Amino acid sequence: MTPNGLSGLNKAFDPDTTRLLASAFESALSSLDAADAEQLSAHSIRQIVAKSIVDEALRGVRDMTRLVERALINLRNQSSPSDGTALLNRC
């Protein structure tokens, strides 16, 4: 297992895919407001979003909408595993 559970750290993405992943990351973060992020630190939010996007890309996903949606779902699930509604009710 890799440190912090980050899989695929020894794999590289081509430049187009790297740009897509960066855009998905920025899109996911920009869809949040301050009230959404009360339960997690900014660092945790960025880490969860980035890991989710990279993991999906490693599975072959190249659709930006799906990358963003999965990242937000994962963030919501990690922010409030008991009911899943405290963060990102818009998802």
Protein backbone atom coordinates (compact mmCIF):
# COMPACT_ATOMS: atom_id res chain seq x y z
CA MET A 1 0.00 0.00 0.00
CA THR A 2 1.25 3.48 -0.80
CA PRO A 3 1.61 6.23 1.81
CA ASN A 4 -1.66 7.92 2.78
CA GLY A 5 -3.52 5.45 0.59
CA LEU A 6 -2.62 7.38 -2.55
CA SER A 7 -2.61 4.85 -5.34
CA GLY A 8 -0.88 5.30 -8.65
CA LEU A 9 1.78 7.73 -7.51
CA ASN A 10 4.31 5.99 -9.72
CA LYS A 11 2.17 6.43 -12.84
CA ALA A 12 2.19 9.46 -15.12
CA PHE A 13 -0.58 11.04 -17.15
CA ASP A 14 -0.09 12.60 -20.55
CA PRO A 15 -0.24 16.43 -20.76
CA ASP A 16 -3.86 16.53 -22.00
CA THR A 17 -5.03 14.28 -19.18
CA THR A 18 -3.06 16.31 -16.66
CA ARG A 19 -4.82 19.48 -17.85
CA LEU A 20 -8.19 17.70 -17.61
CA LEU A 21 -7.47 16.56 -14.05
CA ALA A 22 -6.38 20.07 -13.03
CA SER A 23 -9.54 21.53 -14.53
CA ALA A 24 -11.71 18.96 -12.75
CA PHE A 25 -9.94 19.73 -9.47
CA GLU A 26 -10.50 23.48 -9.84
CA SER A 27 -14.11 22.96 -10.92
CA ALA A 28 -14.87 20.77 -7.92
CA LEU A 29 -13.31 23.25 -5.50
CA SER A 30 -15.04 26.24 -7.08
CA SER A 31 -18.42 24.57 -6.64
CA LEU A 32 -18.01 24.71 -2.85
CA ASP A 33 -18.87 27.65 -0.60
CA ALA A 34 -17.63 28.39 2.88
CA ALA A 35 -20.73 26.91 4.51
CA ASP A 36 -20.14 23.63 2.67
CA ALA A 37 -16.71 23.16 4.21
CA GLU A 38 -17.42 23.62 7.90
CA GLN A 39 -16.64 20.03 8.88
CA LEU A 40 -13.28 19.60 7.14
CA SER A 41 -10.13 21.68 6.86
CA ALA A 42 -9.22 23.24 3.53
CA HIS A 43 -6.25 20.85 3.33
CA SER A 44 -8.48 17.81 3.89
CA ILE A 45 -10.96 19.00 1.27
CA ARG A 46 -8.23 19.50 -1.32
CA GLN A 47 -6.68 16.12 -0.50
CA ILE A 48 -9.98 14.23 -0.76
CA VAL A 49 -10.90 15.95 -4.04
CA ALA A 50 -7.45 15.38 -5.58
CA LYS A 51 -7.27 11.74 -4.53
CA SER A 52 -10.74 11.03 -5.87
CA ILE A 53 -9.97 12.63 -9.24
CA VAL A 54 -6.66 10.79 -9.60
CA ASP A 55 -8.22 7.47 -8.58
CA GLU A 56 -11.00 7.87 -11.15
CA ALA A 57 -8.46 8.83 -13.83
CA LEU A 58 -6.42 5.73 -13.01
CA ARG A 59 -9.59 3.73 -13.69
CA GLY A 60 -9.71 5.31 -17.14
CA VAL A 61 -12.31 8.05 -16.55
CA ARG A 62 -11.70 11.05 -18.79
CA ASP A 63 -15.09 12.76 -18.53
CA MET A 64 -14.75 15.99 -16.55
CA THR A 65 -18.32 15.95 -15.29
CA ARG A 66 -17.91 12.46 -13.89
CA LEU A 67 -14.55 13.31 -12.32
CA VAL A 68 -16.07 16.32 -10.55
CA GLU A 69 -19.23 14.49 -9.48
CA ARG A 70 -17.29 11.56 -8.01
CA ALA A 71 -14.95 13.91 -6.16
CA LEU A 72 -17.88 15.78 -4.62
CA ILE A 73 -19.66 12.57 -3.67
CA ASN A 74 -16.49 11.26 -2.01
CA LEU A 75 -16.05 14.55 -0.19
CA ARG A 76 -19.64 14.48 1.05
CA ASN A 77 -19.28 10.88 2.22
CA GLN A 78 -16.09 11.61 4.14
CA SER A 79 -17.41 14.79 5.71
CA SER A 80 -20.43 13.16 7.31
CA PRO A 81 -20.50 9.38 6.99
CA SER A 82 -23.46 9.11 9.35
CA ASP A 83 -26.05 10.87 7.23
CA GLY A 84 -24.25 12.23 4.14
CA THR A 85 -26.20 15.48 4.16
CA ALA A 86 -24.07 17.92 6.12
CA LEU A 87 -21.83 18.83 3.21
CA LEU A 88 -22.68 19.48 -0.40
CA ASN A 89 -26.41 19.00 -0.30
CA ARG A 90 -26.40 20.23 -3.90
CA CYS A 91 -24.80 17.03 -5.21
